[in-house]
Amino acid sequence: MNSIDQENPCLIQDVLRNIINLWSIGVLLLLNSGKLRFSEILRNLPGNISKRMLSKTLRSLEENGLVKRTVFATKPPSVEYELTELGFSFLPIIINLEQWAIENQENINIAKKEFKNRQ
């Protein structure tokens, strides 16, 4: 363990727990194309996320500095989300992770079948 880990053993785990999950990664990838409203994110996010879970995910990303939320004084109020500088700096990591998953999907499926056959 290095000195940073000894001083703050949970720091890395806390950061990763707050920003790396299925929905957060999807939201960040969507926002790479530009500002989006809540309904646009909800409609375009792969999978079946509830409005409550999307709200929670966006709040967490905003709290951690990856997403900026802008509220417009319209009736009803409209809200836009966009990546912050920190969010953009995190994108290459997510894109590499996504690429790795695509490239290794077949190997992972084979490993799962082999594991299941051994059970």
PDB file of N, CA and C in Angstrom:
ATOM      1  N   MET A   1       0.848  -1.176   0.000  1.00  0.00           N
ATOM      2  CA  MET A   1       0.000   0.000   0.000  1.00  0.00           C
ATOM      3  C   MET A   1       0.893   1.238   0.000  1.00  0.00           C
ATOM      4  N   ASN A   2       0.605   2.232  -0.856  1.00  0.00           N
ATOM      5  CA  ASN A   2       1.428   3.436  -0.862  1.00  0.00           C
ATOM      6  C   ASN A   2       0.981   4.399   0.226  1.00  0.00           C
ATOM      7  N   SER A   3       1.724   5.500   0.394  1.00  0.00           N
ATOM      8  CA  SER A   3       1.447   6.424   1.492  1.00  0.00           C
ATOM      9  C   SER A   3       0.074   7.081   1.373  1.00  0.00           C
ATOM     10  N   ILE A   4      -0.384   7.323   0.167  1.00  0.00           N
ATOM     11  CA  ILE A   4      -1.708   7.921   0.004  1.00  0.00           C
ATOM     12  C   ILE A   4      -2.773   6.960   0.508  1.00  0.00           C
ATOM     13  N   ASP A   5      -2.637   5.691   0.169  1.00  0.00           N
ATOM     14  CA  ASP A   5      -3.599   4.693   0.610  1.00  0.00           C
ATOM     15  C   ASP A   5      -3.610   4.551   2.125  1.00  0.00           C
ATOM     16  N   GLN A   6      -2.449   4.658   2.758  1.00  0.00           N
ATOM     17  CA  GLN A   6      -2.373   4.526   4.203  1.00  0.00           C
ATOM     18  C   GLN A   6      -3.032   5.706   4.901  1.00  0.00           C
ATOM     19  N   GLU A   7      -2.916   6.899   4.313  1.00  0.00           N
ATOM     20  CA  GLU A   7      -3.524   8.080   4.905  1.00  0.00           C
ATOM     21  C   GLU A   7      -5.037   8.095   4.702  1.00  0.00           C
ATOM     22  N   ASN A   8      -5.495   7.697   3.541  1.00  0.00           N
ATOM     23  CA  ASN A   8      -6.923   7.716   3.194  1.00  0.00           C
ATOM     24  C   ASN A   8      -7.315   6.395   2.550  1.00  0.00           C
ATOM     25  N   PRO A   9      -7.425   5.323   3.342  1.00  0.00           N
ATOM     26  CA  PRO A   9      -7.665   4.017   2.744  1.00  0.00           C
ATOM     27  C   PRO A   9      -8.968   3.914   1.960  1.00  0.00           C
ATOM     28  N   CYS A  10      -9.941   4.735   2.260  1.00  0.00           N
ATOM     29  CA  CYS A  10     -11.229   4.628   1.572  1.00  0.00           C
ATOM     30  C   CYS A  10     -11.393   5.661   0.464  1.00  0.00           C
ATOM     31  N   LEU A  11     -10.449   6.551   0.288  1.00  0.00           N
ATOM     32  CA  LEU A  11     -10.598   7.636  -0.675  1.00  0.00           C
ATOM     33  C   LEU A  11     -10.874   7.122  -2.078  1.00  0.00           C
ATOM     34  N   ILE A  12     -10.043   6.230  -2.573  1.00  0.00           N
ATOM     35  CA  ILE A  12     -10.220   5.719  -3.929  1.00  0.00           C
ATOM     36  C   ILE A  12     -11.535   4.955  -4.034  1.00  0.00           C
ATOM     37  N   GLN A  13     -11.844   4.128  -3.047  1.00  0.00           N
ATOM     38  CA  GLN A  13     -13.090   3.371  -3.074  1.00  0.00           C
ATOM     39  C   GLN A  13     -14.299   4.301  -3.062  1.00  0.00           C
ATOM     40  N   ASP A  14     -14.244   5.358  -2.257  1.00  0.00           N
ATOM     41  CA  ASP A  14     -15.359   6.306  -2.201  1.00  0.00           C
ATOM     42  C   ASP A  14     -15.563   7.001  -3.532  1.00  0.00           C
ATOM     43  N   VAL A  15     -14.479   7.442  -4.147  1.00  0.00           N
ATOM     44  CA  VAL A  15     -14.577   8.120  -5.444  1.00  0.00           C
ATOM     45  C   VAL A  15     -15.177   7.181  -6.477  1.00  0.00           C
ATOM     46  N   LEU A  16     -14.625   5.986  -6.576  1.00  0.00           N
ATOM     47  CA  LEU A  16     -15.098   5.042  -7.582  1.00  0.00           C
ATOM     48  C   LEU A  16     -16.542   4.611  -7.333  1.00  0.00           C
ATOM     49  N   ARG A  17     -16.902   4.415  -6.086  1.00  0.00           N
ATOM     50  CA  ARG A  17     -18.268   4.003  -5.758  1.00  0.00           C
ATOM     51  C   ARG A  17     -19.268   5.074  -6.208  1.00  0.00           C
ATOM     52  N   ASN A  18     -18.877   6.329  -6.103  1.00  0.00           N
ATOM     53  CA  ASN A  18     -19.785   7.419  -6.433  1.00  0.00           C
ATOM     54  C   ASN A  18     -19.887   7.716  -7.918  1.00  0.00           C
ATOM     55  N   ILE A  19     -18.879   7.349  -8.697  1.00  0.00           N
ATOM     56  CA  ILE A  19     -18.914   7.752 -10.104  1.00  0.00           C
ATOM     57  C   ILE A  19     -18.896   6.604 -11.095  1.00  0.00           C
ATOM     58  N   ILE A  20     -18.613   5.403 -10.638  1.00  0.00           N
ATOM     59  CA  ILE A  20     -18.586   4.289 -11.581  1.00  0.00           C
ATOM     60  C   ILE A  20     -19.694   3.307 -11.245  1.00  0.00           C
ATOM     61  N   ASN A  21     -20.723   3.369 -12.026  1.00  0.00           N
ATOM     62  CA  ASN A  21     -21.793   2.383 -11.997  1.00  0.00           C
ATOM     63  C   ASN A  21     -22.436   2.402 -13.372  1.00  0.00           C
ATOM     64  N   LEU A  22     -23.282   1.459 -13.617  1.00  0.00           N
ATOM     65  CA  LEU A  22     -23.887   1.311 -14.936  1.00  0.00           C
ATOM     66  C   LEU A  22     -24.528   2.602 -15.423  1.00  0.00           C
ATOM     67  N   TRP A  23     -25.332   3.228 -14.596  1.00  0.00           N
ATOM     68  CA  TRP A  23     -26.073   4.404 -15.032  1.00  0.00           C
ATOM     69  C   TRP A  23     -25.168   5.610 -15.187  1.00  0.00           C
ATOM     70  N   SER A  24     -24.235   5.813 -14.272  1.00  0.00           N
ATOM     71  CA  SER A  24     -23.330   6.963 -14.359  1.00  0.00           C
ATOM     72  C   SER A  24     -22.507   6.926 -15.641  1.00  0.00           C
ATOM     73  N   ILE A  25     -21.990   5.779 -15.960  1.00  0.00           N
ATOM     74  CA  ILE A  25     -21.181   5.649 -17.172  1.00  0.00           C
ATOM     75  C   ILE A  25     -22.030   5.962 -18.404  1.00  0.00           C
ATOM     76  N   GLY A  26     -23.236   5.444 -18.443  1.00  0.00           N
ATOM     77  CA  GLY A  26     -24.126   5.724 -19.566  1.00  0.00           C
ATOM     78  C   GLY A  26     -24.451   7.200 -19.694  1.00  0.00           C
ATOM     79  N   VAL A  27     -24.723   7.854 -18.576  1.00  0.00           N
ATOM     80  CA  VAL A  27     -25.040   9.284 -18.590  1.00  0.00           C
ATOM     81  C   VAL A  27     -23.834  10.085 -19.084  1.00  0.00           C
ATOM     82  N   LEU A  28     -22.656   9.777 -18.577  1.00  0.00           N
ATOM     83  CA  LEU A  28     -21.460  10.509 -18.991  1.00  0.00           C
ATOM     84  C   LEU A  28     -21.191  10.329 -20.481  1.00  0.00           C
ATOM     85  N   LEU A  29     -21.375   9.125 -20.976  1.00  0.00           N
ATOM     86  CA  LEU A  29     -21.178   8.894 -22.412  1.00  0.00           C
ATOM     87  C   LEU A  29     -22.195   9.674 -23.241  1.00  0.00           C
ATOM     88  N   LEU A  30     -23.437   9.737 -22.783  1.00  0.00           N
ATOM     89  CA  LEU A  30     -24.456  10.515 -23.496  1.00  0.00           C
ATOM     90  C   LEU A  30     -24.110  12.002 -23.512  1.00  0.00           C
ATOM     91  N   LEU A  31     -23.648  12.512 -22.375  1.00  0.00           N
ATOM     92  CA  LEU A  31     -23.348  13.940 -22.273  1.00  0.00           C
ATOM     93  C   LEU A  31     -22.096  14.333 -23.049  1.00  0.00           C
ATOM     94  N   ASN A  32     -21.349  13.361 -23.513  1.00  0.00           N
ATOM     95  CA  ASN A  32     -20.188  13.648 -24.342  1.00  0.00           C
ATOM     96  C   ASN A  32     -20.611  14.377 -25.626  1.00  0.00           C
ATOM     97  N   SER A  33     -21.843  14.158 -26.063  1.00  0.00           N
ATOM     98  CA  SER A  33     -22.320  14.800 -27.288  1.00  0.00           C
ATOM     99  C   SER A  33     -22.827  16.218 -27.056  1.00  0.00           C
ATOM    100  N   GLY A  34     -22.928  16.645 -25.800  1.00  0.00           N
ATOM    101  CA  GLY A  34     -23.369  18.005 -25.508  1.00  0.00           C
ATOM    102  C   GLY A  34     -24.430  18.047 -24.422  1.00  0.00           C
ATOM    103  N   LYS A  35     -24.968  19.233 -24.205  1.00  0.00           N
ATOM    104  CA  LYS A  35     -25.981  19.449 -23.175  1.00  0.00           C
ATOM    105  C   LYS A  35     -27.245  18.674 -23.517  1.00  0.00           C
ATOM    106  N   LEU A  36     -27.850  18.095 -22.470  1.00  0.00           N
ATOM    107  CA  LEU A  36     -29.105  17.359 -22.648  1.00  0.00           C
ATOM    108  C   LEU A  36     -30.048  17.674 -21.501  1.00  0.00           C
ATOM    109  N   ARG A  37     -31.332  17.652 -21.809  1.00  0.00           N
ATOM    110  CA  ARG A  37     -32.348  17.798 -20.779  1.00  0.00           C
ATOM    111  C   ARG A  37     -32.607  16.444 -20.144  1.00  0.00           C
ATOM    112  N   PHE A  38     -33.207  16.475 -18.969  1.00  0.00           N
ATOM    113  CA  PHE A  38     -33.490  15.255 -18.221  1.00  0.00           C
ATOM    114  C   PHE A  38     -34.227  14.235 -19.088  1.00  0.00           C
ATOM    115  N   SER A  39     -35.280  14.688 -19.760  1.00  0.00           N
ATOM    116  CA  SER A  39     -36.086  13.770 -20.571  1.00  0.00           C
ATOM    117  C   SER A  39     -35.286  13.173 -21.724  1.00  0.00           C
ATOM    118  N   GLU A  40     -34.344  13.929 -22.278  1.00  0.00           N
ATOM    119  CA  GLU A  40     -33.503  13.409 -23.359  1.00  0.00           C
ATOM    120  C   GLU A  40     -32.565  12.317 -22.845  1.00  0.00           C
ATOM    121  N   ILE A  41     -32.035  12.544 -21.657  1.00  0.00           N
ATOM    122  CA  ILE A  41     -31.162  11.528 -21.052  1.00  0.00           C
ATOM    123  C   ILE A  41     -31.975  10.272 -20.769  1.00  0.00           C
ATOM    124  N   LEU A  42     -33.142  10.456 -20.182  1.00  0.00           N
ATOM    125  CA  LEU A  42     -34.011   9.326 -19.847  1.00  0.00           C
ATOM    126  C   LEU A  42     -34.361   8.522 -21.090  1.00  0.00           C
ATOM    127  N   ARG A  43     -34.691   9.205 -22.159  1.00  0.00           N
ATOM    128  CA  ARG A  43     -35.110   8.551 -23.402  1.00  0.00           C
ATOM    129  C   ARG A  43     -33.949   7.843 -24.104  1.00  0.00           C
ATOM    130  N   ASN A  44     -32.752   8.403 -24.024  1.00  0.00           N
ATOM    131  CA  ASN A  44     -31.620   7.880 -24.794  1.00  0.00           C
ATOM    132  C   ASN A  44     -30.677   6.971 -24.016  1.00  0.00           C
ATOM    133  N   LEU A  45     -30.878   6.847 -22.725  1.00  0.00           N
ATOM    134  CA  LEU A  45     -30.009   5.997 -21.911  1.00  0.00           C
ATOM    135  C   LEU A  45     -30.379   4.538 -22.140  1.00  0.00           C
ATOM    136  N   PRO A  46     -29.411   3.711 -22.559  1.00  0.00           N
ATOM    137  CA  PRO A  46     -29.711   2.287 -22.767  1.00  0.00           C
ATOM    138  C   PRO A  46     -30.147   1.633 -21.455  1.00  0.00           C
ATOM    139  N   GLY A  47     -31.084   0.746 -21.553  1.00  0.00           N
ATOM    140  CA  GLY A  47     -31.580   0.064 -20.358  1.00  0.00           C
ATOM    141  C   GLY A  47     -32.901   0.652 -19.925  1.00  0.00           C
ATOM    142  N   ASN A  48     -33.335   0.266 -18.763  1.00  0.00           N
ATOM    143  CA  ASN A  48     -34.640   0.685 -18.264  1.00  0.00           C
ATOM    144  C   ASN A  48     -34.459   1.364 -16.914  1.00  0.00           C
ATOM    145  N   ILE A  49     -34.039   2.617 -16.931  1.00  0.00           N
ATOM    146  CA  ILE A  49     -33.811   3.359 -15.697  1.00  0.00           C
ATOM    147  C   ILE A  49     -35.079   4.105 -15.310  1.00  0.00           C
ATOM    148  N   SER A  50     -35.351   4.139 -14.029  1.00  0.00           N
ATOM    149  CA  SER A  50     -36.506   4.898 -13.550  1.00  0.00           C
ATOM    150  C   SER A  50     -36.132   6.372 -13.433  1.00  0.00           C
ATOM    151  N   LYS A  51     -37.135   7.229 -13.402  1.00  0.00           N
ATOM    152  CA  LYS A  51     -36.887   8.667 -13.227  1.00  0.00           C
ATOM    153  C   LYS A  51     -36.177   8.920 -11.903  1.00  0.00           C
ATOM    154  N   ARG A  52     -36.579   8.200 -10.885  1.00  0.00           N
ATOM    155  CA  ARG A  52     -35.962   8.363  -9.553  1.00  0.00           C
ATOM    156  C   ARG A  52     -34.475   7.997  -9.590  1.00  0.00           C
ATOM    157  N   MET A  53     -34.151   6.879 -10.225  1.00  0.00           N
ATOM    158  CA  MET A  53     -32.755   6.453 -10.299  1.00  0.00           C
ATOM    159  C   MET A  53     -31.932   7.410 -11.146  1.00  0.00           C
ATOM    160  N   LEU A  54     -32.507   7.915 -12.241  1.00  0.00           N
ATOM    161  CA  LEU A  54     -31.784   8.881 -13.063  1.00  0.00           C
ATOM    162  C   LEU A  54     -31.533  10.158 -12.276  1.00  0.00           C
ATOM    163  N   SER A  55     -32.523  10.623 -11.527  1.00  0.00           N
ATOM    164  CA  SER A  55     -32.346  11.816 -10.686  1.00  0.00           C
ATOM    165  C   SER A  55     -31.221  11.606  -9.683  1.00  0.00           C
ATOM    166  N   LYS A  56     -31.223  10.447  -9.058  1.00  0.00           N
ATOM    167  CA  LYS A  56     -30.196  10.113  -8.064  1.00  0.00           C
ATOM    168  C   LYS A  56     -28.805  10.057  -8.716  1.00  0.00           C
ATOM    169  N   THR A  57     -28.738   9.470  -9.904  1.00  0.00           N
ATOM    170  CA  THR A  57     -27.469   9.360 -10.621  1.00  0.00           C
ATOM    171  C   THR A  57     -26.947  10.737 -11.015  1.00  0.00           C
ATOM    172  N   LEU A  58     -27.817  11.571 -11.577  1.00  0.00           N
ATOM    173  CA  LEU A  58     -27.413  12.919 -11.974  1.00  0.00           C
ATOM    174  C   LEU A  58     -26.979  13.745 -10.771  1.00  0.00           C
ATOM    175  N   ARG A  59     -27.690  13.610  -9.665  1.00  0.00           N
ATOM    176  CA  ARG A  59     -27.323  14.340  -8.444  1.00  0.00           C
ATOM    177  C   ARG A  59     -25.938  13.915  -7.958  1.00  0.00           C
ATOM    178  N   SER A  60     -25.662  12.621  -7.999  1.00  0.00           N
ATOM    179  CA  SER A  60     -24.359  12.121  -7.575  1.00  0.00           C
ATOM    180  C   SER A  60     -23.246  12.633  -8.493  1.00  0.00           C
ATOM    181  N   LEU A  61     -23.499  12.620  -9.798  1.00  0.00           N
ATOM    182  CA  LEU A  61     -22.498  13.119 -10.743  1.00  0.00           C
ATOM    183  C   LEU A  61     -22.270  14.616 -10.555  1.00  0.00           C
ATOM    184  N   GLU A  62     -23.333  15.347 -10.256  1.00  0.00           N
ATOM    185  CA  GLU A  62     -23.198  16.783  -9.991  1.00  0.00           C
ATOM    186  C   GLU A  62     -22.435  17.005  -8.679  1.00  0.00           C
ATOM    187  N   GLU A  63     -22.786  16.256  -7.662  1.00  0.00           N
ATOM    188  CA  GLU A  63     -22.128  16.372  -6.356  1.00  0.00           C
ATOM    189  C   GLU A  63     -20.626  16.097  -6.462  1.00  0.00           C
ATOM    190  N   ASN A  64     -20.261  15.170  -7.342  1.00  0.00           N
ATOM    191  CA  ASN A  64     -18.855  14.803  -7.500  1.00  0.00           C
ATOM    192  C   ASN A  64     -18.131  15.639  -8.553  1.00  0.00           C
ATOM    193  N   GLY A  65     -18.810  16.635  -9.093  1.00  0.00           N
ATOM    194  CA  GLY A  65     -18.165  17.587  -9.977  1.00  0.00           C
ATOM    195  C   GLY A  65     -18.023  17.175 -11.420  1.00  0.00           C
ATOM    196  N   LEU A  66     -18.694  16.110 -11.835  1.00  0.00           N
ATOM    197  CA  LEU A  66     -18.567  15.629 -13.205  1.00  0.00           C
ATOM    198  C   LEU A  66     -19.620  16.205 -14.145  1.00  0.00           C
ATOM    199  N   VAL A  67     -20.728  16.642 -13.565  1.00  0.00           N
ATOM    200  CA  VAL A  67     -21.848  17.155 -14.354  1.00  0.00           C
ATOM    201  C   VAL A  67     -22.294  18.491 -13.768  1.00  0.00           C
ATOM    202  N   LYS A  68     -22.639  19.406 -14.657  1.00  0.00           N
ATOM    203  CA  LYS A  68     -23.186  20.705 -14.254  1.00  0.00           C
ATOM    204  C   LYS A  68     -24.666  20.715 -14.590  1.00  0.00           C
ATOM    205  N   ARG A  69     -25.468  21.187 -13.655  1.00  0.00           N
ATOM    206  CA  ARG A  69     -26.919  21.271 -13.815  1.00  0.00           C
ATOM    207  C   ARG A  69     -27.301  22.737 -13.922  1.00  0.00           C
ATOM    208  N   THR A  70     -28.052  23.076 -14.976  1.00  0.00           N
ATOM    209  CA  THR A  70     -28.514  24.446 -15.160  1.00  0.00           C
ATOM    210  C   THR A  70     -30.027  24.441 -15.223  1.00  0.00           C
ATOM    211  N   VAL A  71     -30.643  25.256 -14.352  1.00  0.00           N
ATOM    212  CA  VAL A  71     -32.100  25.355 -14.300  1.00  0.00           C
ATOM    213  C   VAL A  71     -32.517  26.643 -14.999  1.00  0.00           C
ATOM    214  N   PHE A  72     -33.505  26.535 -15.876  1.00  0.00           N
ATOM    215  CA  PHE A  72     -34.022  27.687 -16.599  1.00  0.00           C
ATOM    216  C   PHE A  72     -35.394  28.053 -16.032  1.00  0.00           C
ATOM    217  N   ALA A  73     -35.617  29.336 -15.854  1.00  0.00           N
ATOM    218  CA  ALA A  73     -36.859  29.836 -15.259  1.00  0.00           C
ATOM    219  C   ALA A  73     -37.983  29.863 -16.284  1.00  0.00           C
ATOM    220  N   THR A  74     -38.398  28.690 -16.684  1.00  0.00           N
ATOM    221  CA  THR A  74     -39.527  28.549 -17.598  1.00  0.00           C
ATOM    222  C   THR A  74     -40.664  27.888 -16.830  1.00  0.00           C
ATOM    223  N   LYS A  75     -41.815  27.831 -17.436  1.00  0.00           N
ATOM    224  CA  LYS A  75     -42.938  27.149 -16.791  1.00  0.00           C
ATOM    225  C   LYS A  75     -43.343  25.971 -17.649  1.00  0.00           C
ATOM    226  N   PRO A  76     -43.202  24.746 -17.216  1.00  0.00           N
ATOM    227  CA  PRO A  76     -42.484  24.363 -15.997  1.00  0.00           C
ATOM    228  C   PRO A  76     -40.982  24.566 -16.165  1.00  0.00           C
ATOM    229  N   PRO A  77     -40.252  24.620 -15.050  1.00  0.00           N
ATOM    230  CA  PRO A  77     -38.806  24.823 -15.145  1.00  0.00           C
ATOM    231  C   PRO A  77     -38.150  23.733 -15.992  1.00  0.00           C
ATOM    232  N   SER A  78     -37.200  24.115 -16.801  1.00  0.00           N
ATOM    233  CA  SER A  78     -36.446  23.113 -17.558  1.00  0.00           C
ATOM    234  C   SER A  78     -35.022  23.078 -17.023  1.00  0.00           C
ATOM    235  N   VAL A  79     -34.430  21.915 -17.154  1.00  0.00           N
ATOM    236  CA  VAL A  79     -33.098  21.686 -16.609  1.00  0.00           C
ATOM    237  C   VAL A  79     -32.233  21.055 -17.688  1.00  0.00           C
ATOM    238  N   GLU A  80     -31.018  21.553 -17.813  1.00  0.00           N
ATOM    239  CA  GLU A  80     -30.040  20.964 -18.732  1.00  0.00           C
ATOM    240  C   GLU A  80     -28.857  20.449 -17.934  1.00  0.00           C
ATOM    241  N   TYR A  81     -28.282  19.383 -18.446  1.00  0.00           N
ATOM    242  CA  TYR A  81     -27.097  18.796 -17.841  1.00  0.00           C
ATOM    243  C   TYR A  81     -25.988  18.798 -18.875  1.00  0.00           C
ATOM    244  N   GLU A  82     -24.768  19.037 -18.402  1.00  0.00           N
ATOM    245  CA  GLU A  82     -23.600  19.003 -19.278  1.00  0.00           C
ATOM    246  C   GLU A  82     -22.392  18.552 -18.481  1.00  0.00           C
ATOM    247  N   LEU A  83     -21.401  18.061 -19.198  1.00  0.00           N
ATOM    248  CA  LEU A  83     -20.171  17.647 -18.544  1.00  0.00           C
ATOM    249  C   LEU A  83     -19.373  18.867 -18.103  1.00  0.00           C
ATOM    250  N   THR A  84     -18.728  18.737 -16.962  1.00  0.00           N
ATOM    251  CA  THR A  84     -17.788  19.753 -16.504  1.00  0.00           C
ATOM    252  C   THR A  84     -16.407  19.417 -17.074  1.00  0.00           C
ATOM    253  N   GLU A  85     -15.455  20.256 -16.796  1.00  0.00           N
ATOM    254  CA  GLU A  85     -14.081  19.967 -17.216  1.00  0.00           C
ATOM    255  C   GLU A  85     -13.608  18.649 -16.603  1.00  0.00           C
ATOM    256  N   LEU A  86     -13.963  18.431 -15.356  1.00  0.00           N
ATOM    257  CA  LEU A  86     -13.607  17.180 -14.685  1.00  0.00           C
ATOM    258  C   LEU A  86     -14.295  15.992 -15.362  1.00  0.00           C
ATOM    259  N   GLY A  87     -15.551  16.170 -15.739  1.00  0.00           N
ATOM    260  CA  GLY A  87     -16.279  15.112 -16.443  1.00  0.00           C
ATOM    261  C   GLY A  87     -15.640  14.774 -17.777  1.00  0.00           C
ATOM    262  N   PHE A  88     -15.239  15.812 -18.527  1.00  0.00           N
ATOM    263  CA  PHE A  88     -14.559  15.570 -19.803  1.00  0.00           C
ATOM    264  C   PHE A  88     -13.227  14.857 -19.589  1.00  0.00           C
ATOM    265  N   SER A  89     -12.537  15.175 -18.498  1.00  0.00           N
ATOM    266  CA  SER A  89     -11.248  14.530 -18.239  1.00  0.00           C
ATOM    267  C   SER A  89     -11.405  13.056 -17.908  1.00  0.00           C
ATOM    268  N   PHE A  90     -12.587  12.666 -17.446  1.00  0.00           N
ATOM    269  CA  PHE A  90     -12.867  11.274 -17.086  1.00  0.00           C
ATOM    270  C   PHE A  90     -13.307  10.450 -18.294  1.00  0.00           C
ATOM    271  N   LEU A  91     -13.791  11.103 -19.349  1.00  0.00           N
ATOM    272  CA  LEU A  91     -14.308  10.397 -20.521  1.00  0.00           C
ATOM    273  C   LEU A  91     -13.335   9.419 -21.167  1.00  0.00           C
ATOM    274  N   PRO A  92     -12.063   9.780 -21.359  1.00  0.00           N
ATOM    275  CA  PRO A  92     -11.160   8.799 -21.987  1.00  0.00           C
ATOM    276  C   PRO A  92     -11.084   7.477 -21.223  1.00  0.00           C
ATOM    277  N   ILE A  93     -11.172   7.545 -19.920  1.00  0.00           N
ATOM    278  CA  ILE A  93     -11.140   6.326 -19.102  1.00  0.00           C
ATOM    279  C   ILE A  93     -12.382   5.489 -19.371  1.00  0.00           C
ATOM    280  N   ILE A  94     -13.532   6.144 -19.415  1.00  0.00           N
ATOM    281  CA  ILE A  94     -14.787   5.439 -19.669  1.00  0.00           C
ATOM    282  C   ILE A  94     -14.793   4.851 -21.076  1.00  0.00           C
ATOM    283  N   ILE A  95     -14.333   5.626 -22.038  1.00  0.00           N
ATOM    284  CA  ILE A  95     -14.307   5.157 -23.424  1.00  0.00           C
ATOM    285  C   ILE A  95     -13.376   3.960 -23.560  1.00  0.00           C
ATOM    286  N   ASN A  96     -12.225   3.998 -22.888  1.00  0.00           N
ATOM    287  CA  ASN A  96     -11.318   2.844 -22.908  1.00  0.00           C
ATOM    288  C   ASN A  96     -11.962   1.628 -22.259  1.00  0.00           C
ATOM    289  N   LEU A  97     -12.675   1.838 -21.174  1.00  0.00           N
ATOM    290  CA  LEU A  97     -13.373   0.741 -20.505  1.00  0.00           C
ATOM    291  C   LEU A  97     -14.448   0.157 -21.413  1.00  0.00           C
ATOM    292  N   GLU A  98     -15.192   1.034 -22.076  1.00  0.00           N
ATOM    293  CA  GLU A  98     -16.221   0.582 -23.012  1.00  0.00           C
ATOM    294  C   GLU A  98     -15.594  -0.215 -24.160  1.00  0.00           C
ATOM    295  N   GLN A  99     -14.491   0.271 -24.702  1.00  0.00           N
ATOM    296  CA  GLN A  99     -13.805  -0.411 -25.797  1.00  0.00           C
ATOM    297  C   GLN A  99     -13.287  -1.776 -25.351  1.00  0.00           C
ATOM    298  N   TRP A 100     -12.726  -1.826 -24.138  1.00  0.00           N
ATOM    299  CA  TRP A 100     -12.240  -3.098 -23.596  1.00  0.00           C
ATOM    300  C   TRP A 100     -13.394  -4.098 -23.495  1.00  0.00           C
ATOM    301  N   ALA A 101     -14.553  -3.631 -23.005  1.00  0.00           N
ATOM    302  CA  ALA A 101     -15.703  -4.519 -22.862  1.00  0.00           C
ATOM    303  C   ALA A 101     -16.167  -5.042 -24.224  1.00  0.00           C
ATOM    304  N   ILE A 102     -16.180  -4.178 -25.217  1.00  0.00           N
ATOM    305  CA  ILE A 102     -16.583  -4.592 -26.564  1.00  0.00           C
ATOM    306  C   ILE A 102     -15.606  -5.626 -27.117  1.00  0.00           C
ATOM    307  N   GLU A 103     -14.311  -5.335 -26.979  1.00  0.00           N
ATOM    308  CA  GLU A 103     -13.279  -6.229 -27.515  1.00  0.00           C
ATOM    309  C   GLU A 103     -13.241  -7.578 -26.806  1.00  0.00           C
ATOM    310  N   ASN A 104     -13.642  -7.613 -25.547  1.00  0.00           N
ATOM    311  CA  ASN A 104     -13.530  -8.837 -24.761  1.00  0.00           C
ATOM    312  C   ASN A 104     -14.864  -9.515 -24.462  1.00  0.00           C
ATOM    313  N   GLN A 105     -15.919  -9.028 -25.058  1.00  0.00           N
ATOM    314  CA  GLN A 105     -17.242  -9.586 -24.803  1.00  0.00           C
ATOM    315  C   GLN A 105     -17.299 -11.080 -25.104  1.00  0.00           C
ATOM    316  N   GLU A 106     -16.743 -11.491 -26.223  1.00  0.00           N
ATOM    317  CA  GLU A 106     -16.769 -12.908 -26.591  1.00  0.00           C
ATOM    318  C   GLU A 106     -15.984 -13.748 -25.585  1.00  0.00           C
ATOM    319  N   ASN A 107     -14.794 -13.283 -25.207  1.00  0.00           N
ATOM    320  CA  ASN A 107     -13.981 -14.020 -24.223  1.00  0.00           C
ATOM    321  C   ASN A 107     -14.690 -14.126 -22.876  1.00  0.00           C
ATOM    322  N   ILE A 108     -15.369 -13.072 -22.487  1.00  0.00           N
ATOM    323  CA  ILE A 108     -16.100 -13.088 -21.219  1.00  0.00           C
ATOM    324  C   ILE A 108     -17.249 -14.077 -21.294  1.00  0.00           C
ATOM    325  N   ASN A 109     -17.968 -14.091 -22.414  1.00  0.00           N
ATOM    326  CA  ASN A 109     -19.072 -15.038 -22.574  1.00  0.00           C
ATOM    327  C   ASN A 109     -18.572 -16.486 -22.551  1.00  0.00           C
ATOM    328  N   ILE A 110     -17.439 -16.736 -23.179  1.00  0.00           N
ATOM    329  CA  ILE A 110     -16.844 -18.079 -23.161  1.00  0.00           C
ATOM    330  C   ILE A 110     -16.469 -18.467 -21.735  1.00  0.00           C
ATOM    331  N   ALA A 111     -15.850 -17.549 -21.017  1.00  0.00           N
ATOM    332  CA  ALA A 111     -15.463 -17.825 -19.629  1.00  0.00           C
ATOM    333  C   ALA A 111     -16.687 -18.118 -18.763  1.00  0.00           C
ATOM    334  N   LYS A 112     -17.773 -17.374 -18.980  1.00  0.00           N
ATOM    335  CA  LYS A 112     -19.001 -17.620 -18.216  1.00  0.00           C
ATOM    336  C   LYS A 112     -19.556 -19.007 -18.489  1.00  0.00           C
ATOM    337  N   LYS A 113     -19.568 -19.406 -19.756  1.00  0.00           N
ATOM    338  CA  LYS A 113     -20.068 -20.745 -20.118  1.00  0.00           C
ATOM    339  C   LYS A 113     -19.206 -21.827 -19.508  1.00  0.00           C
ATOM    340  N   GLU A 114     -17.880 -21.644 -19.578  1.00  0.00           N
ATOM    341  CA  GLU A 114     -16.974 -22.628 -18.993  1.00  0.00           C
ATOM    342  C   GLU A 114     -17.174 -22.717 -17.484  1.00  0.00           C
ATOM    343  N   PHE A 115     -17.350 -21.598 -16.842  1.00  0.00           N
ATOM    344  CA  PHE A 115     -17.570 -21.590 -15.404  1.00  0.00           C
ATOM    345  C   PHE A 115     -18.866 -22.312 -15.056  1.00  0.00           C
ATOM    346  N   LYS A 116     -19.919 -22.003 -15.801  1.00  0.00           N
ATOM    347  CA  LYS A 116     -21.225 -22.629 -15.563  1.00  0.00           C
ATOM    348  C   LYS A 116     -21.146 -24.137 -15.772  1.00  0.00           C
ATOM    349  N   ASN A 117     -20.401 -24.577 -16.777  1.00  0.00           N
ATOM    350  CA  ASN A 117     -20.252 -26.017 -17.074  1.00  0.00           C
ATOM    351  C   ASN A 117     -19.473 -26.734 -15.963  1.00  0.00           C
ATOM    352  N   ARG A 118     -18.624 -26.039 -15.246  1.00  0.00           N
ATOM    353  CA  ARG A 118     -17.863 -26.651 -14.153  1.00  0.00           C
ATOM    354  C   ARG A 118     -18.685 -26.775 -12.878  1.00  0.00           C
ATOM    355  N   GLN A 119     -19.780 -26.092 -12.814  1.00  0.00           N
ATOM    356  CA  GLN A 119     -20.605 -26.091 -11.581  1.00  0.00           C
ATOM    357  C   GLN A 119     -21.418 -27.344 -11.442  1.00  0.00           C
TER     358      GLN A 119
END
